[in-house]
């Protein structure tokens, strides 16, 4: 048996596909709604299953594309240079390179 947590899955996917990746986990206090989540991570409006699951993995062809999405993601660290949202919702994000190694950027 081999047990994989979500980060191990991210690393395995990136290594197998040779793509850059980002894992996200949505945190929404009871009072927050979908609109707040979309403000914290605007790209999620097209990904209803990830919203419903509360987490997901995105794969990218380039590091630049991955970084653009990471920079839009507001986590516990608060607003980013490209997303000034400062409300109740937060979206944790961690990235992984195309060799399957998690990177140092993590928005907590």
PDB file of N, CA and C in Angstrom:
ATOM      1  N   UNK A   1       0.844  -1.175   0.000  1.00  0.00           N
ATOM      2  CA  UNK A   1       0.000   0.000   0.000  1.00  0.00           C
ATOM      3  C   UNK A   1       0.893   1.243   0.000  1.00  0.00           C
ATOM      4  N   UNK A   2       0.424   2.261  -0.707  1.00  0.00           N
ATOM      5  CA  UNK A   2       1.103   3.545  -0.715  1.00  0.00           C
ATOM      6  C   UNK A   2       0.056   4.623  -0.482  1.00  0.00           C
ATOM      7  N   UNK A   3       0.242   5.389   0.566  1.00  0.00           N
ATOM      8  CA  UNK A   3      -0.685   6.476   0.877  1.00  0.00           C
ATOM      9  C   UNK A   3      -0.097   7.783   0.370  1.00  0.00           C
ATOM     10  N   UNK A   4      -0.917   8.575  -0.315  1.00  0.00           N
ATOM     11  CA  UNK A   4      -0.469   9.850  -0.866  1.00  0.00           C
ATOM     12  C   UNK A   4      -1.326  10.985  -0.320  1.00  0.00           C
ATOM     13  N   UNK A   5      -0.687  11.962   0.295  1.00  0.00           N
ATOM     14  CA  UNK A   5      -1.432  13.164   0.643  1.00  0.00           C
ATOM     15  C   UNK A   5      -1.504  14.044  -0.606  1.00  0.00           C
ATOM     16  N   UNK A   6      -2.192  15.161  -0.496  1.00  0.00           N
ATOM     17  CA  UNK A   6      -2.420  15.997  -1.673  1.00  0.00           C
ATOM     18  C   UNK A   6      -1.133  16.575  -2.251  1.00  0.00           C
ATOM     19  N   UNK A   7      -0.166  16.867  -1.407  1.00  0.00           N
ATOM     20  CA  UNK A   7       1.108  17.400  -1.905  1.00  0.00           C
ATOM     21  C   UNK A   7       1.883  16.311  -2.633  1.00  0.00           C
ATOM     22  N   UNK A   8       1.842  15.089  -2.121  1.00  0.00           N
ATOM     23  CA  UNK A   8       2.497  13.969  -2.804  1.00  0.00           C
ATOM     24  C   UNK A   8       1.854  13.718  -4.166  1.00  0.00           C
ATOM     25  N   UNK A   9       0.540  13.872  -4.251  1.00  0.00           N
ATOM     26  CA  UNK A   9      -0.154  13.721  -5.533  1.00  0.00           C
ATOM     27  C   UNK A   9       0.297  14.814  -6.502  1.00  0.00           C
ATOM     28  N   UNK A  10       0.370  16.058  -6.011  1.00  0.00           N
ATOM     29  CA  UNK A  10       0.854  17.168  -6.835  1.00  0.00           C
ATOM     30  C   UNK A  10       2.245  16.856  -7.379  1.00  0.00           C
ATOM     31  N   UNK A  11       3.141  16.431  -6.515  1.00  0.00           N
ATOM     32  CA  UNK A  11       4.517  16.127  -6.935  1.00  0.00           C
ATOM     33  C   UNK A  11       4.548  15.001  -7.968  1.00  0.00           C
ATOM     34  N   UNK A  12       3.768  13.950  -7.734  1.00  0.00           N
ATOM     35  CA  UNK A  12       3.730  12.818  -8.669  1.00  0.00           C
ATOM     36  C   UNK A  12       3.168  13.240 -10.030  1.00  0.00           C
ATOM     37  N   UNK A  13       2.111  14.045 -10.021  1.00  0.00           N
ATOM     38  CA  UNK A  13       1.531  14.518 -11.283  1.00  0.00           C
ATOM     39  C   UNK A  13       2.513  15.382 -12.070  1.00  0.00           C
ATOM     40  N   UNK A  14       3.165  16.289 -11.379  1.00  0.00           N
ATOM     41  CA  UNK A  14       4.121  17.166 -12.060  1.00  0.00           C
ATOM     42  C   UNK A  14       5.285  16.360 -12.642  1.00  0.00           C
ATOM     43  N   UNK A  15       5.774  15.418 -11.871  1.00  0.00           N
ATOM     44  CA  UNK A  15       6.879  14.578 -12.332  1.00  0.00           C
ATOM     45  C   UNK A  15       6.448  13.736 -13.545  1.00  0.00           C
ATOM     46  N   UNK A  16       5.258  13.143 -13.467  1.00  0.00           N
ATOM     47  CA  UNK A  16       4.774  12.258 -14.541  1.00  0.00           C
ATOM     48  C   UNK A  16       4.442  13.013 -15.823  1.00  0.00           C
ATOM     49  N   UNK A  17       3.908  14.228 -15.681  1.00  0.00           N
ATOM     50  CA  UNK A  17       3.486  14.984 -16.862  1.00  0.00           C
ATOM     51  C   UNK A  17       4.534  15.987 -17.328  1.00  0.00           C
ATOM     52  N   UNK A  18       5.578  16.195 -16.484  1.00  0.00           N
ATOM     53  CA  UNK A  18       6.627  17.196 -16.749  1.00  0.00           C
ATOM     54  C   UNK A  18       6.011  18.595 -16.875  1.00  0.00           C
ATOM     55  N   UNK A  19       4.968  18.846 -16.092  1.00  0.00           N
ATOM     56  CA  UNK A  19       4.318  20.152 -16.073  1.00  0.00           C
ATOM     57  C   UNK A  19       4.507  20.804 -14.703  1.00  0.00           C
ATOM     58  N   UNK A  20       4.356  22.108 -14.679  1.00  0.00           N
ATOM     59  CA  UNK A  20       4.390  22.889 -13.452  1.00  0.00           C
ATOM     60  C   UNK A  20       3.022  22.770 -12.796  1.00  0.00           C
ATOM     61  N   UNK A  21       2.966  22.804 -11.469  1.00  0.00           N
ATOM     62  CA  UNK A  21       1.688  22.602 -10.802  1.00  0.00           C
ATOM     63  C   UNK A  21       1.475  23.485  -9.601  1.00  0.00           C
ATOM     64  N   UNK A  22       0.204  23.583  -9.220  1.00  0.00           N
ATOM     65  CA  UNK A  22      -0.171  24.336  -8.031  1.00  0.00           C
ATOM     66  C   UNK A  22      -1.345  23.630  -7.365  1.00  0.00           C
ATOM     67  N   UNK A  23      -1.203  23.371  -6.081  1.00  0.00           N
ATOM     68  CA  UNK A  23      -2.280  22.823  -5.265  1.00  0.00           C
ATOM     69  C   UNK A  23      -2.916  23.974  -4.506  1.00  0.00           C
ATOM     70  N   UNK A  24      -4.244  23.993  -4.460  1.00  0.00           N
ATOM     71  CA  UNK A  24      -4.945  25.010  -3.672  1.00  0.00           C
ATOM     72  C   UNK A  24      -5.906  24.342  -2.701  1.00  0.00           C
ATOM     73  N   UNK A  25      -6.145  25.028  -1.587  1.00  0.00           N
ATOM     74  CA  UNK A  25      -7.112  24.592  -0.596  1.00  0.00           C
ATOM     75  C   UNK A  25      -7.883  25.833  -0.146  1.00  0.00           C
ATOM     76  N   UNK A  26      -9.182  25.788  -0.287  1.00  0.00           N
ATOM     77  CA  UNK A  26     -10.032  26.940  -0.029  1.00  0.00           C
ATOM     78  C   UNK A  26     -10.447  26.984   1.438  1.00  0.00           C
ATOM     79  N   UNK A  27     -10.288  28.139   2.055  1.00  0.00           N
ATOM     80  CA  UNK A  27     -10.756  28.348   3.429  1.00  0.00           C
ATOM     81  C   UNK A  27     -11.784  29.465   3.402  1.00  0.00           C
ATOM     82  N   UNK A  28     -12.980  29.128   3.845  1.00  0.00           N
ATOM     83  CA  UNK A  28     -14.059  30.102   3.846  1.00  0.00           C
ATOM     84  C   UNK A  28     -14.749  30.078   5.207  1.00  0.00           C
ATOM     85  N   UNK A  29     -14.656  31.164   5.946  1.00  0.00           N
ATOM     86  CA  UNK A  29     -15.422  31.250   7.203  1.00  0.00           C
ATOM     87  C   UNK A  29     -16.915  31.162   6.901  1.00  0.00           C
ATOM     88  N   UNK A  30     -17.684  30.801   7.874  1.00  0.00           N
ATOM     89  CA  UNK A  30     -19.132  30.598   7.685  1.00  0.00           C
ATOM     90  C   UNK A  30     -19.826  31.772   7.013  1.00  0.00           C
ATOM     91  N   UNK A  31     -19.401  32.971   7.317  1.00  0.00           N
ATOM     92  CA  UNK A  31     -20.090  34.154   6.797  1.00  0.00           C
ATOM     93  C   UNK A  31     -19.725  34.467   5.347  1.00  0.00           C
ATOM     94  N   UNK A  32     -18.662  33.877   4.841  1.00  0.00           N
ATOM     95  CA  UNK A  32     -18.221  34.177   3.476  1.00  0.00           C
ATOM     96  C   UNK A  32     -19.066  33.410   2.459  1.00  0.00           C
ATOM     97  N   UNK A  33     -19.092  33.906   1.235  1.00  0.00           N
ATOM     98  CA  UNK A  33     -19.844  33.247   0.178  1.00  0.00           C
ATOM     99  C   UNK A  33     -18.961  33.052  -1.049  1.00  0.00           C
ATOM    100  N   UNK A  34     -19.556  32.522  -2.119  1.00  0.00           N
ATOM    101  CA  UNK A  34     -18.812  32.253  -3.356  1.00  0.00           C
ATOM    102  C   UNK A  34     -18.113  33.498  -3.886  1.00  0.00           C
ATOM    103  N   UNK A  35     -18.793  34.622  -3.781  1.00  0.00           N
ATOM    104  CA  UNK A  35     -18.211  35.872  -4.284  1.00  0.00           C
ATOM    105  C   UNK A  35     -16.888  36.181  -3.590  1.00  0.00           C
ATOM    106  N   UNK A  36     -16.807  35.902  -2.306  1.00  0.00           N
ATOM    107  CA  UNK A  36     -15.568  36.143  -1.561  1.00  0.00           C
ATOM    108  C   UNK A  36     -14.448  35.217  -2.047  1.00  0.00           C
ATOM    109  N   UNK A  37     -14.778  33.976  -2.310  1.00  0.00           N
ATOM    110  CA  UNK A  37     -13.770  33.026  -2.814  1.00  0.00           C
ATOM    111  C   UNK A  37     -13.254  33.498  -4.166  1.00  0.00           C
ATOM    112  N   UNK A  38     -14.174  33.927  -5.039  1.00  0.00           N
ATOM    113  CA  UNK A  38     -13.757  34.387  -6.365  1.00  0.00           C
ATOM    114  C   UNK A  38     -12.860  35.617  -6.280  1.00  0.00           C
ATOM    115  N   UNK A  39     -13.058  36.426  -5.253  1.00  0.00           N
ATOM    116  CA  UNK A  39     -12.179  37.583  -5.071  1.00  0.00           C
ATOM    117  C   UNK A  39     -10.781  37.131  -4.635  1.00  0.00           C
ATOM    118  N   UNK A  40     -10.712  36.099  -3.805  1.00  0.00           N
ATOM    119  CA  UNK A  40      -9.433  35.589  -3.312  1.00  0.00           C
ATOM    120  C   UNK A  40      -8.680  34.811  -4.388  1.00  0.00           C
ATOM    121  N   UNK A  41      -9.404  34.233  -5.324  1.00  0.00           N
ATOM    122  CA  UNK A  41      -8.793  33.469  -6.426  1.00  0.00           C
ATOM    123  C   UNK A  41      -9.708  33.595  -7.644  1.00  0.00           C
ATOM    124  N   UNK A  42      -9.568  34.690  -8.408  1.00  0.00           N
ATOM    125  CA  UNK A  42     -10.503  34.993  -9.496  1.00  0.00           C
ATOM    126  C   UNK A  42     -10.643  33.906 -10.561  1.00  0.00           C
ATOM    127  N   UNK A  43      -9.636  33.119 -10.761  1.00  0.00           N
ATOM    128  CA  UNK A  43      -9.658  32.071 -11.793  1.00  0.00           C
ATOM    129  C   UNK A  43     -10.587  30.905 -11.427  1.00  0.00           C
ATOM    130  N   UNK A  44     -11.072  30.847 -10.195  1.00  0.00           N
ATOM    131  CA  UNK A  44     -11.908  29.718  -9.774  1.00  0.00           C
ATOM    132  C   UNK A  44     -13.337  29.783 -10.294  1.00  0.00           C
ATOM    133  N   UNK A  45     -13.748  30.897 -10.881  1.00  0.00           N
ATOM    134  CA  UNK A  45     -15.131  30.987 -11.370  1.00  0.00           C
ATOM    135  C   UNK A  45     -15.431  29.975 -12.469  1.00  0.00           C
ATOM    136  N   UNK A  46     -14.409  29.448 -13.117  1.00  0.00           N
ATOM    137  CA  UNK A  46     -14.601  28.439 -14.167  1.00  0.00           C
ATOM    138  C   UNK A  46     -14.390  27.012 -13.670  1.00  0.00           C
ATOM    139  N   UNK A  47     -14.215  26.830 -12.380  1.00  0.00           N
ATOM    140  CA  UNK A  47     -13.855  25.503 -11.848  1.00  0.00           C
ATOM    141  C   UNK A  47     -14.754  25.126 -10.676  1.00  0.00           C
ATOM    142  N   UNK A  48     -16.018  24.886 -10.991  1.00  0.00           N
ATOM    143  CA  UNK A  48     -17.015  24.630  -9.956  1.00  0.00           C
ATOM    144  C   UNK A  48     -16.733  23.356  -9.162  1.00  0.00           C
ATOM    145  N   UNK A  49     -16.168  22.329  -9.781  1.00  0.00           N
ATOM    146  CA  UNK A  49     -15.893  21.099  -9.034  1.00  0.00           C
ATOM    147  C   UNK A  49     -14.826  21.336  -7.974  1.00  0.00           C
ATOM    148  N   UNK A  50     -13.804  22.106  -8.309  1.00  0.00           N
ATOM    149  CA  UNK A  50     -12.776  22.435  -7.325  1.00  0.00           C
ATOM    150  C   UNK A  50     -13.385  23.262  -6.199  1.00  0.00           C
ATOM    151  N   UNK A  51     -14.268  24.188  -6.531  1.00  0.00           N
ATOM    152  CA  UNK A  51     -14.968  24.965  -5.504  1.00  0.00           C
ATOM    153  C   UNK A  51     -15.771  24.046  -4.589  1.00  0.00           C
ATOM    154  N   UNK A  52     -16.491  23.112  -5.174  1.00  0.00           N
ATOM    155  CA  UNK A  52     -17.315  22.199  -4.388  1.00  0.00           C
ATOM    156  C   UNK A  52     -16.452  21.281  -3.512  1.00  0.00           C
ATOM    157  N   UNK A  53     -15.325  20.842  -4.041  1.00  0.00           N
ATOM    158  CA  UNK A  53     -14.431  19.955  -3.288  1.00  0.00           C
ATOM    159  C   UNK A  53     -13.642  20.706  -2.213  1.00  0.00           C
ATOM    160  N   UNK A  54     -13.421  21.984  -2.442  1.00  0.00           N
ATOM    161  CA  UNK A  54     -12.651  22.776  -1.493  1.00  0.00           C
ATOM    162  C   UNK A  54     -11.148  22.717  -1.710  1.00  0.00           C
ATOM    163  N   UNK A  55     -10.723  21.983  -2.731  1.00  0.00           N
ATOM    164  CA  UNK A  55      -9.294  21.906  -3.048  1.00  0.00           C
ATOM    165  C   UNK A  55      -9.139  21.392  -4.480  1.00  0.00           C
ATOM    166  N   UNK A  56      -7.942  21.564  -5.023  1.00  0.00           N
ATOM    167  CA  UNK A  56      -7.693  21.084  -6.375  1.00  0.00           C
ATOM    168  C   UNK A  56      -6.262  21.306  -6.799  1.00  0.00           C
ATOM    169  N   UNK A  57      -5.938  20.749  -7.940  1.00  0.00           N
ATOM    170  CA  UNK A  57      -4.599  20.849  -8.525  1.00  0.00           C
ATOM    171  C   UNK A  57      -4.725  21.419  -9.930  1.00  0.00           C
ATOM    172  N   UNK A  58      -3.875  22.384 -10.223  1.00  0.00           N
ATOM    173  CA  UNK A  58      -3.785  22.961 -11.561  1.00  0.00           C
ATOM    174  C   UNK A  58      -2.420  22.605 -12.141  1.00  0.00           C
ATOM    175  N   UNK A  59      -2.390  22.232 -13.410  1.00  0.00           N
ATOM    176  CA  UNK A  59      -1.143  21.952 -14.114  1.00  0.00           C
ATOM    177  C   UNK A  59      -0.940  22.998 -15.197  1.00  0.00           C
ATOM    178  N   UNK A  60       0.318  23.408 -15.387  1.00  0.00           N
ATOM    179  CA  UNK A  60       0.656  24.478 -16.321  1.00  0.00           C
ATOM    180  C   UNK A  60       1.795  24.052 -17.220  1.00  0.00           C
ATOM    181  N   UNK A  61       1.823  24.611 -18.422  1.00  0.00           N
ATOM    182  CA  UNK A  61       2.900  24.309 -19.368  1.00  0.00           C
ATOM    183  C   UNK A  61       4.195  25.020 -19.019  1.00  0.00           C
ATOM    184  N   UNK A  62       4.085  26.199 -18.378  1.00  0.00           N
ATOM    185  CA  UNK A  62       5.289  26.977 -18.098  1.00  0.00           C
ATOM    186  C   UNK A  62       5.297  27.474 -16.653  1.00  0.00           C
ATOM    187  N   UNK A  63       6.481  27.772 -16.170  1.00  0.00           N
ATOM    188  CA  UNK A  63       6.622  28.347 -14.840  1.00  0.00           C
ATOM    189  C   UNK A  63       5.975  29.730 -14.782  1.00  0.00           C
ATOM    190  N   UNK A  64       6.103  30.487 -15.862  1.00  0.00           N
ATOM    191  CA  UNK A  64       5.524  31.832 -15.913  1.00  0.00           C
ATOM    192  C   UNK A  64       4.015  31.782 -15.742  1.00  0.00           C
ATOM    193  N   UNK A  65       3.349  30.879 -16.443  1.00  0.00           N
ATOM    194  CA  UNK A  65       1.894  30.741 -16.324  1.00  0.00           C
ATOM    195  C   UNK A  65       1.508  30.339 -14.900  1.00  0.00           C
ATOM    196  N   UNK A  66       2.228  29.395 -14.328  1.00  0.00           N
ATOM    197  CA  UNK A  66       1.952  28.973 -12.962  1.00  0.00           C
ATOM    198  C   UNK A  66       2.102  30.143 -11.992  1.00  0.00           C
ATOM    199  N   UNK A  67       3.151  30.919 -12.159  1.00  0.00           N
ATOM    200  CA  UNK A  67       3.412  32.045 -11.278  1.00  0.00           C
ATOM    201  C   UNK A  67       2.314  33.099 -11.376  1.00  0.00           C
ATOM    202  N   UNK A  68       1.778  33.300 -12.574  1.00  0.00           N
ATOM    203  CA  UNK A  68       0.682  34.259 -12.757  1.00  0.00           C
ATOM    204  C   UNK A  68      -0.537  33.862 -11.927  1.00  0.00           C
ATOM    205  N   UNK A  69      -0.876  32.578 -11.921  1.00  0.00           N
ATOM    206  CA  UNK A  69      -2.016  32.101 -11.143  1.00  0.00           C
ATOM    207  C   UNK A  69      -1.705  32.147  -9.653  1.00  0.00           C
ATOM    208  N   UNK A  70      -0.501  31.768  -9.274  1.00  0.00           N
ATOM    209  CA  UNK A  70      -0.102  31.840  -7.873  1.00  0.00           C
ATOM    210  C   UNK A  70      -0.214  33.277  -7.357  1.00  0.00           C
ATOM    211  N   UNK A  71       0.240  34.219  -8.153  1.00  0.00           N
ATOM    212  CA  UNK A  71       0.216  35.624  -7.751  1.00  0.00           C
ATOM    213  C   UNK A  71      -1.204  36.181  -7.600  1.00  0.00           C
ATOM    214  N   UNK A  72      -2.182  35.565  -8.240  1.00  0.00           N
ATOM    215  CA  UNK A  72      -3.582  35.983  -8.118  1.00  0.00           C
ATOM    216  C   UNK A  72      -4.254  35.410  -6.869  1.00  0.00           C
ATOM    217  N   UNK A  73      -3.587  34.472  -6.200  1.00  0.00           N
ATOM    218  CA  UNK A  73      -4.190  33.701  -5.121  1.00  0.00           C
ATOM    219  C   UNK A  73      -3.887  34.323  -3.763  1.00  0.00           C
ATOM    220  N   UNK A  74      -4.930  34.798  -3.093  1.00  0.00           N
ATOM    221  CA  UNK A  74      -4.769  35.435  -1.791  1.00  0.00           C
ATOM    222  C   UNK A  74      -4.977  34.396  -0.695  1.00  0.00           C
ATOM    223  N   UNK A  75      -3.905  34.139   0.045  1.00  0.00           N
ATOM    224  CA  UNK A  75      -3.965  33.213   1.173  1.00  0.00           C
ATOM    225  C   UNK A  75      -3.891  33.958   2.482  1.00  0.00           C
ATOM    226  N   UNK A  76      -3.423  33.269   3.508  1.00  0.00           N
ATOM    227  CA  UNK A  76      -3.335  33.875   4.841  1.00  0.00           C
ATOM    228  C   UNK A  76      -2.361  35.044   4.892  1.00  0.00           C
ATOM    229  N   UNK A  77      -1.416  35.104   3.959  1.00  0.00           N
ATOM    230  CA  UNK A  77      -0.469  36.224   3.916  1.00  0.00           C
ATOM    231  C   UNK A  77      -1.140  37.533   3.511  1.00  0.00           C
ATOM    232  N   UNK A  78      -2.351  37.444   2.992  1.00  0.00           N
ATOM    233  CA  UNK A  78      -3.073  38.652   2.595  1.00  0.00           C
ATOM    234  C   UNK A  78      -2.884  39.000   1.134  1.00  0.00           C
ATOM    235  N   UNK A  79      -3.245  40.224   0.775  1.00  0.00           N
ATOM    236  CA  UNK A  79      -3.214  40.654  -0.625  1.00  0.00           C
ATOM    237  C   UNK A  79      -1.843  40.432  -1.281  1.00  0.00           C
ATOM    238  N   UNK A  80      -1.894  40.241  -2.593  1.00  0.00           N
ATOM    239  CA  UNK A  80      -0.669  40.070  -3.380  1.00  0.00           C
ATOM    240  C   UNK A  80      -0.490  41.302  -4.266  1.00  0.00           C
ATOM    241  N   UNK A  81       0.600  41.339  -4.986  1.00  0.00           N
ATOM    242  CA  UNK A  81       0.845  42.475  -5.886  1.00  0.00           C
ATOM    243  C   UNK A  81      -0.219  42.575  -6.972  1.00  0.00           C
ATOM    244  N   UNK A  82      -0.786  41.442  -7.381  1.00  0.00           N
ATOM    245  CA  UNK A  82      -1.772  41.470  -8.466  1.00  0.00           C
ATOM    246  C   UNK A  82      -3.205  41.264  -7.987  1.00  0.00           C
ATOM    247  N   UNK A  83      -3.410  41.009  -6.700  1.00  0.00           N
ATOM    248  CA  UNK A  83      -4.762  40.831  -6.177  1.00  0.00           C
ATOM    249  C   UNK A  83      -4.835  41.498  -4.801  1.00  0.00           C
ATOM    250  N   UNK A  84      -5.541  42.610  -4.734  1.00  0.00           N
ATOM    251  CA  UNK A  84      -5.638  43.387  -3.510  1.00  0.00           C
ATOM    252  C   UNK A  84      -6.731  42.945  -2.554  1.00  0.00           C
ATOM    253  N   UNK A  85      -7.356  41.800  -2.797  1.00  0.00           N
ATOM    254  CA  UNK A  85      -8.450  41.322  -1.940  1.00  0.00           C
ATOM    255  C   UNK A  85      -7.965  41.170  -0.497  1.00  0.00           C
ATOM    256  N   UNK A  86      -8.810  41.650   0.445  1.00  0.00           N
ATOM    257  CA  UNK A  86      -8.462  41.571   1.863  1.00  0.00           C
ATOM    258  C   UNK A  86      -9.715  41.242   2.676  1.00  0.00           C
ATOM    259  N   UNK A  87     -10.431  40.191   2.260  1.00  0.00           N
ATOM    260  CA  UNK A  87     -11.680  39.820   2.923  1.00  0.00           C
ATOM    261  C   UNK A  87     -11.568  38.541   3.715  1.00  0.00           C
ATOM    262  N   UNK A  88     -12.712  37.937   4.046  1.00  0.00           N
ATOM    263  CA  UNK A  88     -12.728  36.774   4.934  1.00  0.00           C
ATOM    264  C   UNK A  88     -12.258  35.453   4.310  1.00  0.00           C
ATOM    265  N   UNK A  89     -12.336  35.311   3.008  1.00  0.00           N
ATOM    266  CA  UNK A  89     -11.929  34.054   2.370  1.00  0.00           C
ATOM    267  C   UNK A  89     -10.423  34.053   2.113  1.00  0.00           C
ATOM    268  N   UNK A  90      -9.831  32.869   2.130  1.00  0.00           N
ATOM    269  CA  UNK A  90      -8.426  32.728   1.740  1.00  0.00           C
ATOM    270  C   UNK A  90      -8.264  31.419   1.002  1.00  0.00           C
ATOM    271  N   UNK A  91      -7.290  31.390   0.106  1.00  0.00           N
ATOM    272  CA  UNK A  91      -7.024  30.200  -0.684  1.00  0.00           C
ATOM    273  C   UNK A  91      -5.540  29.876  -0.550  1.00  0.00           C
ATOM    274  N   UNK A  92      -5.257  28.797   0.169  1.00  0.00           N
ATOM    275  CA  UNK A  92      -3.877  28.334   0.338  1.00  0.00           C
ATOM    276  C   UNK A  92      -3.363  27.844  -1.008  1.00  0.00           C
ATOM    277  N   UNK A  93      -2.119  28.154  -1.314  1.00  0.00           N
ATOM    278  CA  UNK A  93      -1.512  27.672  -2.556  1.00  0.00           C
ATOM    279  C   UNK A  93      -0.060  27.292  -2.315  1.00  0.00           C
ATOM    280  N   UNK A  94       0.350  26.210  -2.953  1.00  0.00           N
ATOM    281  CA  UNK A  94       1.745  25.803  -2.969  1.00  0.00           C
ATOM    282  C   UNK A  94       2.053  25.327  -4.383  1.00  0.00           C
ATOM    283  N   UNK A  95       3.261  25.617  -4.854  1.00  0.00           N
ATOM    284  CA  UNK A  95       3.611  25.283  -6.227  1.00  0.00           C
ATOM    285  C   UNK A  95       4.656  24.172  -6.297  1.00  0.00           C
ATOM    286  N   UNK A  96       4.762  23.607  -7.482  1.00  0.00           N
ATOM    287  CA  UNK A  96       5.658  22.483  -7.719  1.00  0.00           C
ATOM    288  C   UNK A  96       6.272  22.639  -9.107  1.00  0.00           C
ATOM    289  N   UNK A  97       7.557  22.352  -9.223  1.00  0.00           N
ATOM    290  CA  UNK A  97       8.186  22.473 -10.533  1.00  0.00           C
ATOM    291  C   UNK A  97       7.904  21.252 -11.410  1.00  0.00           C
ATOM    292  N   UNK A  98       8.360  21.300 -12.640  1.00  0.00           N
ATOM    293  CA  UNK A  98       8.060  20.224 -13.590  1.00  0.00           C
ATOM    294  C   UNK A  98       8.912  18.974 -13.386  1.00  0.00           C
ATOM    295  N   UNK A  99       9.744  18.974 -12.338  1.00  0.00           N
ATOM    296  CA  UNK A  99      10.500  17.773 -11.949  1.00  0.00           C
ATOM    297  C   UNK A  99       9.859  17.104 -10.738  1.00  0.00           C
ATOM    298  N   UNK A 100       8.745  17.673 -10.258  1.00  0.00           N
ATOM    299  CA  UNK A 100       8.045  17.080  -9.142  1.00  0.00           C
ATOM    300  C   UNK A 100       8.533  17.494  -7.767  1.00  0.00           C
ATOM    301  N   UNK A 101       9.179  18.645  -7.688  1.00  0.00           N
ATOM    302  CA  UNK A 101       9.681  19.153  -6.402  1.00  0.00           C
ATOM    303  C   UNK A 101       8.871  20.384  -6.006  1.00  0.00           C
ATOM    304  N   UNK A 102       8.312  20.358  -4.789  1.00  0.00           N
ATOM    305  CA  UNK A 102       7.599  21.532  -4.333  1.00  0.00           C
ATOM    306  C   UNK A 102       8.579  22.687  -4.201  1.00  0.00           C
ATOM    307  N   UNK A 103       8.067  23.868  -4.464  1.00  0.00           N
ATOM    308  CA  UNK A 103       8.909  25.063  -4.459  1.00  0.00           C
ATOM    309  C   UNK A 103       8.743  25.821  -3.148  1.00  0.00           C
ATOM    310  N   UNK A 104       9.545  26.811  -2.951  1.00  0.00           N
ATOM    311  CA  UNK A 104       9.539  27.557  -1.682  1.00  0.00           C
ATOM    312  C   UNK A 104       8.366  28.518  -1.564  1.00  0.00           C
ATOM    313  N   UNK A 105       7.665  28.802  -2.650  1.00  0.00           N
ATOM    314  CA  UNK A 105       6.562  29.757  -2.516  1.00  0.00           C
ATOM    315  C   UNK A 105       5.300  29.051  -2.024  1.00  0.00           C
ATOM    316  N   UNK A 106       4.804  29.581  -0.936  1.00  0.00           N
ATOM    317  CA  UNK A 106       3.625  29.066  -0.252  1.00  0.00           C
ATOM    318  C   UNK A 106       2.992  30.281   0.419  1.00  0.00           C
ATOM    319  N   UNK A 107       1.709  30.512   0.194  1.00  0.00           N
ATOM    320  CA  UNK A 107       1.094  31.755   0.653  1.00  0.00           C
ATOM    321  C   UNK A 107       0.404  31.619   2.015  1.00  0.00           C
ATOM    322  N   UNK A 108       1.151  31.157   2.996  1.00  0.00           N
ATOM    323  CA  UNK A 108       0.582  31.046   4.354  1.00  0.00           C
ATOM    324  C   UNK A 108       1.268  32.019   5.282  1.00  0.00           C
TER     325      UNK A 108
END
